């Protein structure tokens, strides 16, 4: 460990003490281990999405790429990273960063939850496909009744 305490003999005794305190504080501040900040858990409720009756399956409420990501995650047997989803959707021409942005937005909407695992985020669905469809149909019916 390096020695961070430097005393200046020319200063009066009070200034020496203050200088010593500042140097100790600087030394302690630089030797702390870095702990990355964890994102707050997503507690958002699932919002009412747009509704397109002409589309099929999840594309009635989500865009094509969002629906493809959600389809892959619903069929997965556990949490997945963006890389897993991107490799699983190889038939599409989307870039890795496009899939990453889409999954981040789905997490912000409350459809996915994510947690940090090393250098990547691991995503998992917050509700089943049937629950999502039921919530959206109920919202559409409430809109028609109003």
Foldseek 3Di string as FASTA:
>chain_A
DDDQADADPVDPPVVRVVSRVVSVVVVVVVPDDDDDDWDDWDPADQDQFQADVVDDQPCRGDPPLLVLLVVVQLPDPDWDFLVVSCVVVVVDPDDSVVSVVSVVVCVVNPQWIWTDDPPTITIHGPDHSVVVVVVNVVVVVVVVVD
